Amino acid sequence: MTASSNAVRQYAALLMVAVSVFSTPAKTESAAADTMECRNANQAWSPCRYVSEQPGARWELAFSNQVVRFQHDGSGTMQMQIGDQTPWAEVQTRWSADGTLCWNTVCARGDIPLD
């Protein structure tokens, strides 16, 4: 397999994740926080809650006494804000081999509500 075809496969996988996240029905809140865990950087994994009032445009993860907000305007650019005091920053989404989904330093694993 060439590096080019590997890059295409990674891009296709991220595109599928984006389509799944952005096609979620109206208001969604994860029902099982104990089956989804999140962390920021090197923090320990902790139960987290996913909430979205504007699926595909705005959602948040709440964990470890913090809220991480995400926004997407449909242009392909996604932004994240950690807490109320930090500025919005552009993020890159990636999957790890163990099924963890990350946006820069913030990661989630378990029953991530993608559809």
N, C-alpha and C. Protein backbone atom coordinates (compact mmCIF):
# COMPACT_ATOMS: atom_id res chain seq x y z
N MET A 1 0.85 -1.17 0.00
CA MET A 1 0.00 0.00 0.00
C MET A 1 0.89 1.23 0.00
N THR A 2 0.58 2.19 -0.85
CA THR A 2 1.39 3.39 -0.94
C THR A 2 0.97 4.40 0.11
N ALA A 3 1.87 5.36 0.35
CA ALA A 3 1.55 6.42 1.31
C ALA A 3 0.34 7.21 0.84
N SER A 4 0.24 7.39 -0.48
CA SER A 4 -0.89 8.14 -1.04
C SER A 4 -2.22 7.44 -0.77
N SER A 5 -2.27 6.13 -0.99
CA SER A 5 -3.53 5.41 -0.77
C SER A 5 -3.85 5.35 0.72
N ASN A 6 -2.84 5.28 1.57
CA ASN A 6 -3.06 5.30 3.01
C ASN A 6 -3.65 6.64 3.43
N ALA A 7 -3.15 7.74 2.87
CA ALA A 7 -3.68 9.07 3.19
C ALA A 7 -5.13 9.19 2.73
N VAL A 8 -5.44 8.63 1.56
CA VAL A 8 -6.81 8.68 1.06
C VAL A 8 -7.73 7.91 1.99
N ARG A 9 -7.29 6.75 2.48
CA ARG A 9 -8.09 5.95 3.40
C ARG A 9 -8.34 6.69 4.71
N GLN A 10 -7.32 7.37 5.23
CA GLN A 10 -7.48 8.14 6.47
C GLN A 10 -8.45 9.29 6.25
N TYR A 11 -8.34 9.98 5.11
CA TYR A 11 -9.25 11.08 4.81
C TYR A 11 -10.68 10.57 4.71
N ALA A 12 -10.88 9.44 4.04
CA ALA A 12 -12.22 8.86 3.89
C ALA A 12 -12.81 8.50 5.25
N ALA A 13 -11.99 7.95 6.14
CA ALA A 13 -12.47 7.59 7.48
C ALA A 13 -12.89 8.84 8.26
N LEU A 14 -12.11 9.91 8.19
CA LEU A 14 -12.47 11.15 8.87
C LEU A 14 -13.73 11.77 8.27
N LEU A 15 -13.88 11.66 6.95
CA LEU A 15 -15.07 12.17 6.30
C LEU A 15 -16.31 11.42 6.77
N MET A 16 -16.20 10.10 6.93
CA MET A 16 -17.32 9.31 7.42
C MET A 16 -17.68 9.72 8.84
N VAL A 17 -16.69 9.98 9.68
CA VAL A 17 -16.95 10.44 11.05
C VAL A 17 -17.67 11.77 11.01
N ALA A 18 -17.20 12.69 10.20
CA ALA A 18 -17.83 14.01 10.12
C ALA A 18 -19.28 13.89 9.65
N VAL A 19 -19.55 13.08 8.65
CA VAL A 19 -20.91 12.90 8.16
C VAL A 19 -21.79 12.31 9.26
N SER A 20 -21.26 11.35 10.01
CA SER A 20 -22.03 10.75 11.09
C SER A 20 -22.33 11.76 12.19
N VAL A 21 -21.33 12.53 12.59
CA VAL A 21 -21.51 13.51 13.66
C VAL A 21 -22.49 14.59 13.22
N PHE A 22 -22.37 15.04 11.98
CA PHE A 22 -23.17 16.17 11.54
C PHE A 22 -24.55 15.79 11.06
N SER A 23 -24.90 14.50 11.06
CA SER A 23 -26.25 14.11 10.65
C SER A 23 -27.07 13.62 11.84
N THR A 24 -26.61 13.92 13.05
CA THR A 24 -27.32 13.52 14.27
C THR A 24 -28.66 14.22 14.36
N PRO A 25 -29.74 13.53 14.78
CA PRO A 25 -31.05 14.18 14.91
C PRO A 25 -31.07 15.30 15.95
N ALA A 26 -32.14 16.11 15.94
CA ALA A 26 -32.31 17.30 16.76
C ALA A 26 -31.51 17.34 18.04
N LYS A 27 -32.05 17.37 19.23
CA LYS A 27 -31.25 17.49 20.45
C LYS A 27 -30.82 16.12 20.92
N THR A 28 -29.53 15.97 21.14
CA THR A 28 -28.98 14.69 21.56
C THR A 28 -28.19 14.87 22.83
N GLU A 29 -28.43 14.02 23.79
CA GLU A 29 -27.63 14.00 25.01
C GLU A 29 -27.30 12.55 25.28
N SER A 30 -26.03 12.26 25.54
CA SER A 30 -25.66 10.87 25.78
C SER A 30 -26.37 10.36 27.01
N ALA A 31 -26.98 9.21 26.88
CA ALA A 31 -27.76 8.63 27.98
C ALA A 31 -26.89 7.86 28.95
N ALA A 32 -25.73 7.43 28.49
CA ALA A 32 -24.92 6.55 29.33
C ALA A 32 -23.53 7.14 29.52
N ALA A 33 -23.40 8.11 30.40
CA ALA A 33 -22.11 8.74 30.64
C ALA A 33 -21.07 7.75 31.13
N ASP A 34 -21.53 6.67 31.78
CA ASP A 34 -20.57 5.69 32.27
C ASP A 34 -20.01 4.82 31.16
N THR A 35 -20.54 4.92 29.93
CA THR A 35 -19.99 4.15 28.83
C THR A 35 -19.20 5.03 27.87
N MET A 36 -19.07 6.31 28.19
CA MET A 36 -18.26 7.23 27.40
C MET A 36 -17.31 7.94 28.34
N GLU A 37 -16.04 7.97 27.97
CA GLU A 37 -15.03 8.64 28.79
C GLU A 37 -14.31 9.68 27.95
N CYS A 38 -13.86 10.75 28.61
CA CYS A 38 -13.13 11.81 27.93
C CYS A 38 -11.92 12.21 28.75
N ARG A 39 -11.01 12.90 28.10
CA ARG A 39 -9.86 13.48 28.78
C ARG A 39 -9.28 14.60 27.93
N ASN A 40 -8.55 15.46 28.57
CA ASN A 40 -7.84 16.53 27.88
C ASN A 40 -6.36 16.34 28.17
N ALA A 41 -5.58 16.25 27.12
CA ALA A 41 -4.13 16.05 27.22
C ALA A 41 -3.81 14.79 28.03
N ASN A 42 -3.05 14.94 29.11
CA ASN A 42 -2.62 13.77 29.89
C ASN A 42 -3.46 13.51 31.12
N GLN A 43 -4.67 14.12 31.20
CA GLN A 43 -5.55 13.87 32.33
C GLN A 43 -5.95 12.39 32.34
N ALA A 44 -6.42 11.94 33.49
CA ALA A 44 -6.98 10.58 33.58
C ALA A 44 -8.32 10.56 32.85
N TRP A 45 -8.70 9.43 32.30
CA TRP A 45 -10.01 9.27 31.67
C TRP A 45 -11.08 9.43 32.74
N SER A 46 -12.17 10.12 32.39
CA SER A 46 -13.29 10.26 33.32
C SER A 46 -14.60 10.19 32.54
N PRO A 47 -15.69 9.79 33.22
CA PRO A 47 -16.99 9.74 32.53
C PRO A 47 -17.32 11.12 31.96
N CYS A 48 -17.94 11.13 30.78
CA CYS A 48 -18.32 12.42 30.19
C CYS A 48 -19.69 12.33 29.55
N ARG A 49 -20.23 13.51 29.30
CA ARG A 49 -21.57 13.63 28.75
C ARG A 49 -21.50 14.45 27.47
N TYR A 50 -22.18 13.99 26.42
CA TYR A 50 -22.27 14.68 25.14
C TYR A 50 -23.64 15.35 25.04
N VAL A 51 -23.67 16.62 24.66
CA VAL A 51 -24.92 17.36 24.48
C VAL A 51 -24.83 18.16 23.18
N SER A 52 -25.92 18.14 22.40
CA SER A 52 -25.96 18.93 21.18
C SER A 52 -27.36 19.47 20.95
N GLU A 53 -27.47 20.79 20.87
CA GLU A 53 -28.74 21.42 20.54
C GLU A 53 -28.81 21.77 19.06
N GLN A 54 -27.67 21.82 18.39
CA GLN A 54 -27.59 22.09 16.97
C GLN A 54 -26.67 21.04 16.35
N PRO A 55 -27.17 19.81 16.17
CA PRO A 55 -26.33 18.74 15.62
C PRO A 55 -25.67 19.18 14.31
N GLY A 56 -24.39 18.85 14.23
CA GLY A 56 -23.63 19.21 13.05
C GLY A 56 -23.07 20.61 13.08
N ALA A 57 -23.56 21.44 14.00
CA ALA A 57 -23.08 22.82 14.08
C ALA A 57 -22.45 23.13 15.44
N ARG A 58 -23.09 22.67 16.53
CA ARG A 58 -22.58 22.94 17.88
C ARG A 58 -22.87 21.75 18.78
N TRP A 59 -21.87 21.37 19.58
CA TRP A 59 -22.05 20.32 20.57
C TRP A 59 -21.01 20.51 21.65
N GLU A 60 -21.18 19.78 22.76
CA GLU A 60 -20.22 19.91 23.85
C GLU A 60 -20.03 18.58 24.57
N LEU A 61 -18.87 18.48 25.21
CA LEU A 61 -18.54 17.36 26.08
C LEU A 61 -18.30 17.94 27.46
N ALA A 62 -18.94 17.37 28.48
CA ALA A 62 -18.76 17.82 29.86
C ALA A 62 -18.10 16.70 30.65
N PHE A 63 -16.97 17.00 31.27
CA PHE A 63 -16.23 16.01 32.06
C PHE A 63 -15.21 16.71 32.94
N SER A 64 -14.86 16.07 34.05
CA SER A 64 -13.83 16.58 34.97
C SER A 64 -14.02 18.06 35.30
N ASN A 65 -15.24 18.46 35.63
CA ASN A 65 -15.54 19.84 35.99
C ASN A 65 -15.19 20.85 34.90
N GLN A 66 -15.26 20.43 33.65
CA GLN A 66 -15.03 21.35 32.54
C GLN A 66 -15.98 21.03 31.39
N VAL A 67 -16.19 22.01 30.55
CA VAL A 67 -17.02 21.84 29.37
C VAL A 67 -16.17 22.20 28.16
N VAL A 68 -16.18 21.32 27.18
CA VAL A 68 -15.46 21.57 25.93
C VAL A 68 -16.52 21.73 24.84
N ARG A 69 -16.51 22.90 24.21
CA ARG A 69 -17.51 23.20 23.17
C ARG A 69 -16.88 23.06 21.78
N PHE A 70 -17.71 22.61 20.84
CA PHE A 70 -17.27 22.45 19.46
C PHE A 70 -18.25 23.19 18.56
N GLN A 71 -17.74 23.74 17.47
CA GLN A 71 -18.61 24.34 16.48
C GLN A 71 -18.05 24.07 15.09
N HIS A 72 -18.98 23.93 14.14
CA HIS A 72 -18.63 23.65 12.76
C HIS A 72 -19.59 24.43 11.88
N ASP A 73 -19.06 25.16 10.92
CA ASP A 73 -19.92 26.00 10.09
C ASP A 73 -20.23 25.39 8.73
N GLY A 74 -19.85 24.15 8.52
CA GLY A 74 -20.11 23.47 7.25
C GLY A 74 -19.01 23.67 6.23
N SER A 75 -18.02 24.47 6.53
CA SER A 75 -16.93 24.74 5.58
C SER A 75 -15.82 23.70 5.63
N GLY A 76 -15.88 22.80 6.60
CA GLY A 76 -14.81 21.84 6.78
C GLY A 76 -13.91 22.21 7.95
N THR A 77 -14.08 23.41 8.48
CA THR A 77 -13.29 23.86 9.63
C THR A 77 -14.08 23.63 10.91
N MET A 78 -13.44 23.00 11.87
CA MET A 78 -14.06 22.75 13.17
C MET A 78 -13.27 23.52 14.21
N GLN A 79 -13.99 24.12 15.17
CA GLN A 79 -13.34 24.84 16.25
C GLN A 79 -13.75 24.27 17.60
N MET A 80 -12.87 24.46 18.59
CA MET A 80 -13.10 23.94 19.93
C MET A 80 -12.75 25.03 20.93
N GLN A 81 -13.52 25.07 22.03
CA GLN A 81 -13.24 25.98 23.14
C GLN A 81 -13.29 25.18 24.42
N ILE A 82 -12.24 25.25 25.21
CA ILE A 82 -12.18 24.55 26.49
C ILE A 82 -12.51 25.55 27.58
N GLY A 83 -13.67 25.36 28.24
CA GLY A 83 -14.11 26.31 29.26
C GLY A 83 -14.59 27.61 28.64
N ASP A 84 -14.92 28.56 29.50
CA ASP A 84 -15.41 29.86 29.01
C ASP A 84 -14.31 30.87 28.78
N GLN A 85 -13.14 30.66 29.35
CA GLN A 85 -12.09 31.67 29.32
C GLN A 85 -11.09 31.50 28.19
N THR A 86 -11.11 30.38 27.50
CA THR A 86 -10.13 30.17 26.44
C THR A 86 -10.72 30.59 25.09
N PRO A 87 -9.86 31.00 24.17
CA PRO A 87 -10.36 31.39 22.84
C PRO A 87 -10.73 30.14 22.02
N TRP A 88 -11.58 30.33 21.02
CA TRP A 88 -11.89 29.25 20.09
C TRP A 88 -10.64 28.97 19.26
N ALA A 89 -10.37 27.68 19.02
CA ALA A 89 -9.20 27.28 18.24
C ALA A 89 -9.60 26.22 17.22
N GLU A 90 -9.02 26.29 16.05
CA GLU A 90 -9.27 25.29 15.02
C GLU A 90 -8.70 23.95 15.47
N VAL A 91 -9.45 22.87 15.23
CA VAL A 91 -9.00 21.55 15.65
C VAL A 91 -9.00 20.58 14.47
N GLN A 92 -8.17 19.57 14.61
CA GLN A 92 -8.11 18.47 13.66
C GLN A 92 -8.67 17.24 14.36
N THR A 93 -9.49 16.47 13.67
CA THR A 93 -10.08 15.26 14.22
C THR A 93 -9.27 14.05 13.77
N ARG A 94 -9.09 13.09 14.69
CA ARG A 94 -8.36 11.87 14.33
C ARG A 94 -8.86 10.70 15.17
N TRP A 95 -8.81 9.53 14.59
CA TRP A 95 -9.11 8.28 15.30
C TRP A 95 -7.79 7.61 15.64
N SER A 96 -7.68 7.02 16.82
CA SER A 96 -6.50 6.24 17.15
C SER A 96 -6.82 4.77 16.89
N ALA A 97 -5.82 3.94 16.89
CA ALA A 97 -5.99 2.51 16.60
C ALA A 97 -6.91 1.82 17.61
N ASP A 98 -6.99 2.34 18.84
CA ASP A 98 -7.83 1.69 19.86
C ASP A 98 -9.28 2.20 19.86
N GLY A 99 -9.66 3.02 18.87
CA GLY A 99 -11.03 3.50 18.77
C GLY A 99 -11.30 4.80 19.49
N THR A 100 -10.26 5.49 19.92
CA THR A 100 -10.41 6.78 20.59
C THR A 100 -10.53 7.87 19.52
N LEU A 101 -11.49 8.78 19.70
CA LEU A 101 -11.68 9.91 18.80
C LEU A 101 -11.13 11.15 19.48
N CYS A 102 -10.24 11.87 18.78
CA CYS A 102 -9.62 13.05 19.38
C CYS A 102 -9.79 14.28 18.50
N TRP A 103 -9.91 15.41 19.18
CA TRP A 103 -9.90 16.73 18.57
C TRP A 103 -8.74 17.45 19.22
N ASN A 104 -7.61 17.53 18.54
CA ASN A 104 -6.38 18.04 19.12
C ASN A 104 -6.10 17.30 20.43
N THR A 105 -6.12 17.97 21.59
CA THR A 105 -5.75 17.33 22.85
C THR A 105 -6.93 16.68 23.58
N VAL A 106 -8.17 16.95 23.14
CA VAL A 106 -9.35 16.39 23.80
C VAL A 106 -9.74 15.09 23.10
N CYS A 107 -9.92 14.03 23.90
CA CYS A 107 -10.24 12.73 23.34
C CYS A 107 -11.45 12.11 24.03
N ALA A 108 -12.18 11.27 23.29
CA ALA A 108 -13.33 10.54 23.83
C ALA A 108 -13.23 9.09 23.38
N ARG A 109 -13.72 8.19 24.24
CA ARG A 109 -13.75 6.77 23.89
C ARG A 109 -15.01 6.15 24.48
N GLY A 110 -15.37 5.01 23.95
CA GLY A 110 -16.58 4.32 24.43
C GLY A 110 -17.71 4.51 23.45
N ASP A 111 -18.95 4.65 23.97
CA ASP A 111 -20.14 4.80 23.14
C ASP A 111 -20.30 6.25 22.70
N ILE A 112 -19.49 6.67 21.75
CA ILE A 112 -19.53 8.03 21.25
C ILE A 112 -20.73 8.16 20.31
N PRO A 113 -21.66 9.08 20.57
CA PRO A 113 -22.87 9.21 19.75
C PRO A 113 -22.58 9.85 18.40
N LEU A 114 -22.27 9.02 17.41
CA LEU A 114 -21.93 9.53 16.08
C LEU A 114 -23.10 9.46 15.11
N ASP A 115 -24.20 8.80 15.46
CA ASP A 115 -25.31 8.74 14.51
C ASP A 115 -26.62 9.04 15.19
